[in-house]
C-alpha atoms as a PDB file:
ATOM      1  CA  THR A   1      10.136  37.870  14.167  1.00  0.00           C
ATOM      2  CA  ILE A   2       9.954  41.279  15.807  1.00  0.00           C
ATOM      3  CA  ALA A   3       9.355  43.193  12.580  1.00  0.00           C
ATOM      4  CA  GLN A   4       5.852  41.659  12.383  1.00  0.00           C
ATOM      5  CA  ARG A   5       4.690  42.386  15.845  1.00  0.00           C
ATOM      6  CA  ASN A   6       2.819  45.234  17.651  1.00  0.00           C
ATOM      7  CA  PRO A   7       5.167  47.147  19.999  1.00  0.00           C
ATOM      8  CA  VAL A   8       2.635  47.787  22.757  1.00  0.00           C
ATOM      9  CA  LEU A   9       1.453  44.041  22.849  1.00  0.00           C
ATOM     10  CA  LEU A  10       5.047  42.825  22.639  1.00  0.00           C
ATOM     11  CA  ALA A  11       6.166  45.109  25.473  1.00  0.00           C
ATOM     12  CA  LEU A  12       3.369  43.815  27.632  1.00  0.00           C
ATOM     13  CA  GLN A  13       4.003  40.176  26.852  1.00  0.00           C
ATOM     14  CA  TRP A  14       7.816  40.420  27.435  1.00  0.00           C
ATOM     15  CA  ALA A  15       7.416  42.533  30.589  1.00  0.00           C
ATOM     16  CA  SER A  16       5.141  39.844  31.946  1.00  0.00           C
ATOM     17  CA  LEU A  17       7.703  37.107  31.108  1.00  0.00           C
ATOM     18  CA  ASP A  18      10.351  39.153  32.769  1.00  0.00           C
ATOM     19  CA  VAL A  19       8.412  39.538  35.990  1.00  0.00           C
ATOM     20  CA  LEU A  20       7.472  35.807  36.028  1.00  0.00           C
ATOM     21  CA  SER A  21      11.118  34.779  35.556  1.00  0.00           C
ATOM     22  CA  GLY A  22      12.390  37.083  38.238  1.00  0.00           C
ATOM     23  CA  GLY A  23      14.139  39.385  35.798  1.00  0.00           C
ATOM     24  CA  ARG A  24      16.063  36.735  33.895  1.00  0.00           C
ATOM     25  CA  THR A  25      14.929  37.366  30.249  1.00  0.00           C
ATOM     26  CA  TRP A  26      16.747  38.657  27.216  1.00  0.00           C
ATOM     27  CA  LEU A  27      14.740  39.772  24.218  1.00  0.00           C
ATOM     28  CA  ALA A  28      16.369  38.480  21.058  1.00  0.00           C
ATOM     29  CA  ALA A  29      15.123  40.646  18.229  1.00  0.00           C
ATOM     30  CA  CYS A  30      15.324  39.435  14.614  1.00  0.00           C
ATOM     31  CA  MET A  31      13.800  40.689  11.425  1.00  0.00           C
ATOM     32  CA  GLY A  32      13.090  37.229   9.921  1.00  0.00           C
ATOM     33  CA  TYR A  33      13.826  35.853   6.497  1.00  0.00           C
ATOM     34  CA  PRO A  34      13.254  37.956   3.392  1.00  0.00           C
ATOM     35  CA  ALA A  35      10.427  36.783   1.119  1.00  0.00           C
ATOM     36  CA  SER A  36      12.864  35.605  -1.480  1.00  0.00           C
ATOM     37  CA  GLN A  37      14.594  33.144   0.848  1.00  0.00           C
ATOM     38  CA  HIS A  38      11.661  30.758   1.500  1.00  0.00           C
ATOM     39  CA  PRO A  39       8.002  30.469   0.442  1.00  0.00           C
ATOM     40  CA  MET A  40       6.930  30.185   4.077  1.00  0.00           C
ATOM     41  CA  ALA A  41       8.618  33.572   4.829  1.00  0.00           C
ATOM     42  CA  ALA A  42       6.914  35.187   1.883  1.00  0.00           C
ATOM     43  CA  LYS A  43       3.499  33.925   3.078  1.00  0.00           C
ATOM     44  CA  GLU A  44       4.144  35.031   6.713  1.00  0.00           C
ATOM     45  CA  LEU A  45       4.996  38.525   5.565  1.00  0.00           C
ATOM     46  CA  GLU A  46       1.878  38.628   3.257  1.00  0.00           C
ATOM     47  CA  VAL A  47      -0.385  37.483   6.101  1.00  0.00           C
ATOM     48  CA  MET A  48       1.015  40.149   8.485  1.00  0.00           C
ATOM     49  CA  GLY A  49       0.896  42.970   5.833  1.00  0.00           C
ATOM     50  CA  VAL A  50       4.621  43.665   5.976  1.00  0.00           C
ATOM     51  CA  GLN A  51       6.786  44.237   2.890  1.00  0.00           C
ATOM     52  CA  SER A  52      10.025  42.288   2.918  1.00  0.00           C
ATOM     53  CA  GLN A  53      12.164  45.409   2.302  1.00  0.00           C
ATOM     54  CA  GLU A  54      10.610  47.043   5.395  1.00  0.00           C
ATOM     55  CA  ARG A  55      12.029  44.546   7.818  1.00  0.00           C
ATOM     56  CA  PRO A  56      15.255  46.333   8.833  1.00  0.00           C
ATOM     57  CA  ALA A  57      13.497  49.731   9.404  1.00  0.00           C
ATOM     58  CA  ARG A  58      10.740  48.031  11.290  1.00  0.00           C
ATOM     59  CA  LEU A  59      13.274  46.258  13.532  1.00  0.00           C
ATOM     60  CA  GLU A  60      14.946  49.541  14.465  1.00  0.00           C
ATOM     61  CA  GLU A  61      11.660  51.367  15.055  1.00  0.00           C
ATOM     62  CA  MET A  62      10.224  48.536  17.144  1.00  0.00           C
ATOM     63  CA  ILE A  63      13.306  48.563  19.504  1.00  0.00           C
ATOM     64  CA  GLN A  64      12.826  52.354  19.967  1.00  0.00           C
ATOM     65  CA  ALA A  65       9.174  51.969  20.539  1.00  0.00           C
ATOM     66  CA  LEU A  66       9.222  49.394  23.283  1.00  0.00           C
ATOM     67  CA  LEU A  67       7.781  51.273  26.277  1.00  0.00           C
ATOM     68  CA  TRP A  68       9.387  49.626  29.289  1.00  0.00           C
ATOM     69  CA  SER A  69      10.682  52.576  31.301  1.00  0.00           C
ATOM     70  CA  ASP A  70       8.449  55.649  30.849  1.00  0.00           C
ATOM     71  CA  GLU A  71       5.266  55.812  32.970  1.00  0.00           C
ATOM     72  CA  HIS A  72       3.364  57.306  30.077  1.00  0.00           C
ATOM     73  CA  ALA A  73       4.936  56.705  26.679  1.00  0.00           C
ATOM     74  CA  SER A  74       4.221  58.174  23.256  1.00  0.00           C
ATOM     75  CA  PHE A  75       5.820  57.229  19.978  1.00  0.00           C
ATOM     76  CA  HIS A  76       5.340  58.323  16.469  1.00  0.00           C
ATOM     77  CA  GLY A  77       7.250  56.639  13.639  1.00  0.00           C
ATOM     78  CA  LYS A  78       6.733  55.449  10.134  1.00  0.00           C
ATOM     79  CA  TYR A  79       5.352  52.127  11.066  1.00  0.00           C
ATOM     80  CA  TYR A  80       4.241  52.408  14.662  1.00  0.00           C
ATOM     81  CA  SER A  81       2.415  55.149  16.553  1.00  0.00           C
ATOM     82  CA  PHE A  82       0.766  55.520  19.912  1.00  0.00           C
ATOM     83  CA  ASP A  83       0.004  58.221  22.540  1.00  0.00           C
ATOM     84  CA  ASP A  84       0.161  58.265  26.321  1.00  0.00           C
ATOM     85  CA  VAL A  85       0.339  54.488  26.913  1.00  0.00           C
ATOM     86  CA  ASN A  86       1.118  53.247  30.405  1.00  0.00           C
ATOM     87  CA  LEU A  87       2.360  49.646  30.522  1.00  0.00           C
ATOM     88  CA  LEU A  88       1.821  47.492  33.571  1.00  0.00           C
ATOM     89  CA  PRO A  89       3.536  45.324  34.684  1.00  0.00           C
ATOM     90  CA  LYS A  90       6.959  46.880  34.148  1.00  0.00           C
ATOM     91  CA  PRO A  91       9.758  44.340  33.475  1.00  0.00           C
ATOM     92  CA  GLY A  92      11.790  43.299  36.478  1.00  0.00           C
ATOM     93  CA  GLN A  93      14.972  44.560  34.734  1.00  0.00           C
ATOM     94  CA  GLN A  94      15.521  48.159  33.921  1.00  0.00           C
ATOM     95  CA  PRO A  95      16.397  48.245  31.238  1.00  0.00           C
ATOM     96  CA  CYS A  96      15.404  44.798  29.889  1.00  0.00           C
ATOM     97  CA  PRO A  97      18.306  43.708  27.630  1.00  0.00           C
ATOM     98  CA  ILE A  98      17.683  43.532  23.941  1.00  0.00           C
ATOM     99  CA  TYR A  99      19.895  41.444  21.709  1.00  0.00           C
ATOM    100  CA  ILE A 100      19.763  41.749  17.935  1.00  0.00           C
ATOM    101  CA  ALA A 101      19.956  38.245  16.280  1.00  0.00           C
ATOM    102  CA  GLY A 102      21.379  37.654  12.950  1.00  0.00           C
ATOM    103  CA  THR A 103      24.458  36.756  10.836  1.00  0.00           C
ATOM    104  CA  PRO A 104      24.837  39.253   7.967  1.00  0.00           C
ATOM    105  CA  ARG A 105      26.787  38.014   4.957  1.00  0.00           C
ATOM    106  CA  SER A 106      28.195  39.865   2.078  1.00  0.00           C
ATOM    107  CA  ILE A 107      27.136  37.209  -0.422  1.00  0.00           C
ATOM    108  CA  GLN A 108      23.508  37.889   0.529  1.00  0.00           C
ATOM    109  CA  ILE A 109      23.405  41.681   1.229  1.00  0.00           C
ATOM    110  CA  GLY A 110      26.797  43.002   0.039  1.00  0.00           C
ATOM    111  CA  ASP A 111      29.531  44.654   2.031  1.00  0.00           C
ATOM    112  CA  ARG A 112      27.488  47.754   2.645  1.00  0.00           C
ATOM    113  CA  GLY A 113      24.603  45.711   3.902  1.00  0.00           C
ATOM    114  CA  VAL A 114      26.875  43.982   6.367  1.00  0.00           C
ATOM    115  CA  GLU A 115      28.138  47.368   7.529  1.00  0.00           C
ATOM    116  CA  ARG A 116      24.609  48.664   8.028  1.00  0.00           C
ATOM    117  CA  SER A 117      23.637  45.489   9.880  1.00  0.00           C
ATOM    118  CA  LEU A 118      26.555  45.698  12.338  1.00  0.00           C
ATOM    119  CA  ARG A 119      26.008  49.433  12.782  1.00  0.00           C
ATOM    120  CA  ARG A 120      22.400  48.703  13.733  1.00  0.00           C
ATOM    121  CA  ILE A 121      23.466  46.196  16.306  1.00  0.00           C
ATOM    122  CA  ALA A 122      26.032  48.616  17.805  1.00  0.00           C
ATOM    123  CA  ARG A 123      23.513  51.476  17.923  1.00  0.00           C
ATOM    124  CA  TYR A 124      20.394  49.832  19.245  1.00  0.00           C
ATOM    125  CA  ALA A 125      21.242  46.584  20.948  1.00  0.00           C
ATOM    126  CA  ASP A 126      22.734  45.511  24.369  1.00  0.00           C
ATOM    127  CA  GLY A 127      24.153  42.408  22.686  1.00  0.00           C
ATOM    128  CA  TRP A 128      24.384  40.279  19.587  1.00  0.00           C
ATOM    129  CA  MET A 129      23.110  36.788  19.062  1.00  0.00           C
ATOM    130  CA  THR A 130      24.465  34.871  16.105  1.00  0.00           C
ATOM    131  CA  ASN A 131      24.531  31.385  14.492  1.00  0.00           C
ATOM    132  CA  GLN A 132      25.590  29.739  11.229  1.00  0.00           C
ATOM    133  CA  ILE A 133      28.859  31.625  11.506  1.00  0.00           C
ATOM    134  CA  GLU A 134      32.481  30.640  10.903  1.00  0.00           C
ATOM    135  CA  LEU A 135      34.950  31.226  13.746  1.00  0.00           C
ATOM    136  CA  GLU A 136      37.001  33.710  11.759  1.00  0.00           C
ATOM    137  CA  ARG A 137      33.913  35.668  10.732  1.00  0.00           C
ATOM    138  CA  PHE A 138      32.826  35.819  14.387  1.00  0.00           C
ATOM    139  CA  ARG A 139      36.162  37.204  15.379  1.00  0.00           C
ATOM    140  CA  ASP A 140      36.043  39.783  12.592  1.00  0.00           C
ATOM    141  CA  TYR A 141      32.427  40.884  13.416  1.00  0.00           C
ATOM    142  CA  VAL A 142      33.226  41.136  17.260  1.00  0.00           C
ATOM    143  CA  ALA A 143      36.218  43.410  16.457  1.00  0.00           C
ATOM    144  CA  ARG A 144      34.122  45.577  14.173  1.00  0.00           C
ATOM    145  CA  LEU A 145      31.288  45.815  16.641  1.00  0.00           C
ATOM    146  CA  ARG A 146      33.588  46.887  19.411  1.00  0.00           C
ATOM    147  CA  ASP A 147      34.977  49.718  17.201  1.00  0.00           C
ATOM    148  CA  MET A 148      31.451  50.787  16.252  1.00  0.00           C
ATOM    149  CA  LEU A 149      30.228  50.732  19.819  1.00  0.00           C
ATOM    150  CA  ALA A 150      33.033  53.119  20.719  1.00  0.00           C
ATOM    151  CA  GLU A 151      32.009  55.365  17.836  1.00  0.00           C
ATOM    152  CA  GLU A 152      28.479  55.321  19.144  1.00  0.00           C
ATOM    153  CA  GLY A 153      29.644  56.417  22.594  1.00  0.00           C
ATOM    154  CA  ARG A 154      28.895  53.104  24.146  1.00  0.00           C
ATOM    155  CA  ASP A 155      30.998  50.880  26.343  1.00  0.00           C
ATOM    156  CA  PRO A 156      32.235  47.870  24.350  1.00  0.00           C
ATOM    157  CA  ASN A 157      32.889  45.932  27.493  1.00  0.00           C
ATOM    158  CA  ALA A 158      29.269  46.158  28.508  1.00  0.00           C
ATOM    159  CA  PHE A 159      28.126  44.615  25.223  1.00  0.00           C
ATOM    160  CA  LYS A 160      27.459  40.830  25.196  1.00  0.00           C
ATOM    161  CA  THR A 161      27.642  38.184  22.521  1.00  0.00           C
ATOM    162  CA  VAL A 162      25.655  34.970  22.298  1.00  0.00           C
ATOM    163  CA  LEU A 163      26.261  31.947  19.999  1.00  0.00           C
ATOM    164  CA  TYR A 164      23.533  29.496  19.133  1.00  0.00           C
ATOM    165  CA  TYR A 165      25.305  26.223  18.474  1.00  0.00           C
ATOM    166  CA  GLY A 166      24.465  22.577  17.879  1.00  0.00           C
ATOM    167  CA  ILE A 167      26.357  19.481  18.943  1.00  0.00           C
ATOM    168  CA  SER A 168      26.113  15.917  17.555  1.00  0.00           C
ATOM    169  CA  VAL A 169      28.489  13.747  19.594  1.00  0.00           C
ATOM    170  CA  ASN A 170      29.608  10.422  18.136  1.00  0.00           C
ATOM    171  CA  ALA A 171      32.913   8.662  17.975  1.00  0.00           C
ATOM    172  CA  ASP A 172      32.202   8.171  14.211  1.00  0.00           C
ATOM    173  CA  PRO A 173      32.282  11.657  12.657  1.00  0.00           C
ATOM    174  CA  ASP A 174      30.395  10.518   9.583  1.00  0.00           C
ATOM    175  CA  GLN A 175      27.601   9.105  11.703  1.00  0.00           C
ATOM    176  CA  ALA A 176      27.528  12.334  13.777  1.00  0.00           C
ATOM    177  CA  PHE A 177      27.156  14.305  10.570  1.00  0.00           C
ATOM    178  CA  ARG A 178      24.491  12.030   9.162  1.00  0.00           C
ATOM    179  CA  GLU A 179      22.422  12.297  12.321  1.00  0.00           C
ATOM    180  CA  ALA A 180      22.847  16.082  12.408  1.00  0.00           C
ATOM    181  CA  LYS A 181      21.837  16.474   8.813  1.00  0.00           C
ATOM    182  CA  THR A 182      18.774  14.252   9.211  1.00  0.00           C
ATOM    183  CA  PHE A 183      17.661  16.291  12.228  1.00  0.00           C
ATOM    184  CA  LEU A 184      18.233  19.679  10.609  1.00  0.00           C
ATOM    185  CA  ASP A 185      16.733  18.764   7.231  1.00  0.00           C
ATOM    186  CA  ALA A 186      13.516  17.574   8.986  1.00  0.00           C
ATOM    187  CA  TYR A 187      13.336  20.480  11.394  1.00  0.00           C
ATOM    188  CA  TYR A 188      13.935  23.232   8.801  1.00  0.00           C
ATOM    189  CA  GLN A 189      12.418  21.541   5.784  1.00  0.00           C
ATOM    190  CA  LYS A 190      15.648  22.036   3.859  1.00  0.00           C
ATOM    191  CA  ASN A 191      18.431  19.951   2.275  1.00  0.00           C
ATOM    192  CA  PHE A 192      21.555  21.011   4.116  1.00  0.00           C
ATOM    193  CA  THR A 193      25.013  20.647   2.594  1.00  0.00           C
ATOM    194  CA  ARG A 194      27.903  19.347   4.733  1.00  0.00           C
ATOM    195  CA  GLN A 195      29.169  22.979   4.969  1.00  0.00           C
ATOM    196  CA  GLY A 196      25.667  24.116   5.889  1.00  0.00           C
ATOM    197  CA  VAL A 197      25.633  21.593   8.764  1.00  0.00           C
ATOM    198  CA  GLU A 198      29.178  22.061   9.948  1.00  0.00           C
ATOM    199  CA  ILE A 199      29.168  25.844   9.995  1.00  0.00           C
ATOM    200  CA  TRP A 200      26.981  25.870  13.148  1.00  0.00           C
ATOM    201  CA  ASN A 201      27.136  22.411  14.526  1.00  0.00           C
ATOM    202  CA  ALA A 202      30.035  20.399  16.048  1.00  0.00           C
ATOM    203  CA  CYS A 203      29.708  16.818  14.701  1.00  0.00           C
ATOM    204  CA  GLY A 204      32.150  14.172  15.856  1.00  0.00           C
ATOM    205  CA  PRO A 205      34.055  12.781  18.861  1.00  0.00           C
ATOM    206  CA  VAL A 206      33.978  14.523  22.232  1.00  0.00           C
ATOM    207  CA  GLU A 207      37.455  15.981  21.646  1.00  0.00           C
ATOM    208  CA  HIS A 208      36.348  17.612  18.346  1.00  0.00           C
ATOM    209  CA  CYS A 209      33.208  19.082  19.907  1.00  0.00           C
ATOM    210  CA  VAL A 210      35.201  20.488  22.808  1.00  0.00           C
ATOM    211  CA  GLU A 211      37.671  22.010  20.264  1.00  0.00           C
ATOM    212  CA  CYS A 212      34.930  23.577  18.269  1.00  0.00           C
ATOM    213  CA  VAL A 213      33.177  25.177  21.268  1.00  0.00           C
ATOM    214  CA  ARG A 214      36.455  26.236  22.785  1.00  0.00           C
ATOM    215  CA  GLY A 215      37.353  28.109  19.685  1.00  0.00           C
ATOM    216  CA  PHE A 216      34.390  30.504  20.101  1.00  0.00           C
ATOM    217  CA  ILE A 217      35.050  30.817  23.858  1.00  0.00           C
ATOM    218  CA  ASP A 218      38.652  31.838  23.077  1.00  0.00           C
ATOM    219  CA  ALA A 219      37.378  34.293  20.464  1.00  0.00           C
ATOM    220  CA  GLY A 220      35.436  36.107  23.204  1.00  0.00           C
ATOM    221  CA  VAL A 221      31.841  34.816  23.051  1.00  0.00           C
ATOM    222  CA  ASP A 222      30.064  35.593  26.362  1.00  0.00           C
ATOM    223  CA  HIS A 223      27.301  33.048  26.280  1.00  0.00           C
ATOM    224  CA  ILE A 224      26.570  29.883  24.277  1.00  0.00           C
ATOM    225  CA  THR A 225      23.247  28.305  23.736  1.00  0.00           C
ATOM    226  CA  ILE A 226      23.887  24.621  23.083  1.00  0.00           C
ATOM    227  CA  ARG A 227      21.349  22.593  21.120  1.00  0.00           C
ATOM    228  CA  PRO A 228      21.748  18.803  21.107  1.00  0.00           C
ATOM    229  CA  ILE A 229      20.991  17.309  17.707  1.00  0.00           C
ATOM    230  CA  GLY A 230      20.826  13.737  16.464  1.00  0.00           C
ATOM    231  CA  ASP A 231      18.698  10.556  16.617  1.00  0.00           C
ATOM    232  CA  ASP A 232      18.540  10.432  20.380  1.00  0.00           C
ATOM    233  CA  LEU A 233      18.348  13.922  21.898  1.00  0.00           C
ATOM    234  CA  ASN A 234      18.415  12.719  25.493  1.00  0.00           C
ATOM    235  CA  GLU A 235      21.624  10.795  24.789  1.00  0.00           C
ATOM    236  CA  GLN A 236      23.099  13.796  23.072  1.00  0.00           C
ATOM    237  CA  LEU A 237      22.281  15.951  26.143  1.00  0.00           C
ATOM    238  CA  ARG A 238      23.832  13.372  28.443  1.00  0.00           C
ATOM    239  CA  LEU A 239      27.017  13.250  26.327  1.00  0.00           C
ATOM    240  CA  TYR A 240      27.256  17.008  26.368  1.00  0.00           C
ATOM    241  CA  LEU A 241      26.784  17.266  30.149  1.00  0.00           C
ATOM    242  CA  GLU A 242      28.942  14.334  31.111  1.00  0.00           C
ATOM    243  CA  GLU A 243      31.750  14.523  28.573  1.00  0.00           C
ATOM    244  CA  VAL A 244      31.845  17.687  26.569  1.00  0.00           C
ATOM    245  CA  LEU A 245      31.197  20.210  29.338  1.00  0.00           C
ATOM    246  CA  PRO A 246      33.879  18.758  31.610  1.00  0.00           C
ATOM    247  CA  GLY A 247      36.348  19.179  28.745  1.00  0.00           C
ATOM    248  CA  LEU A 248      35.418  22.844  28.400  1.00  0.00           C
ATOM    249  CA  ASN A 249      35.891  23.331  32.191  1.00  0.00           C
ATOM    250  CA  SER A 250      39.233  21.673  32.346  1.00  0.00           C
END
């Protein structure tokens, strides 16, 4: 949750990770849940001294404040301020890619809120990471982002998209769903509906899982982070590698 962090410390931590990884990191920046969405989110914001409504502005300011390129950087904003700071080590990548993570929805923040969220991504990020998103919504947002990137004077073809997506492989689709729901309910301490599970997880036979993932590939996603879910995660990983992945490559 980037809106709750210190920009100097975060820049140092991430630069160190980038050096250790040989320049292979991406920073996925998210603002976190609003206080109204979950008691744990409200407590976290309270402990960190951050007002829920400040999260979007803090996210934007944090991205601008990250001092990865200048030898001696200064920044003065509403939430963060520092003078003449020299960060060492510098990240292996220049610049270090920053992805904004999130899936804005009109039902939660209104149409204008969605527009502002997409504009923020187009203006400040090198890419967009999303989950819990329908295929048609993904297509729509990608098209809108490409238009906004052009309006911001940026190259839409250099912008990348990442999908975080779960897979529960089972010849019995009902069993695949049950295992996925049990896993997600326990992990997130929520009671997911069927729609809440299936919107971001492929649950069913190999052919169905291939079709679900293929849909996003055909829609233009650049990278997919696959998360195996179910009762036996090692078996789910094996099924993905040995049966689903070959179907995607065929």
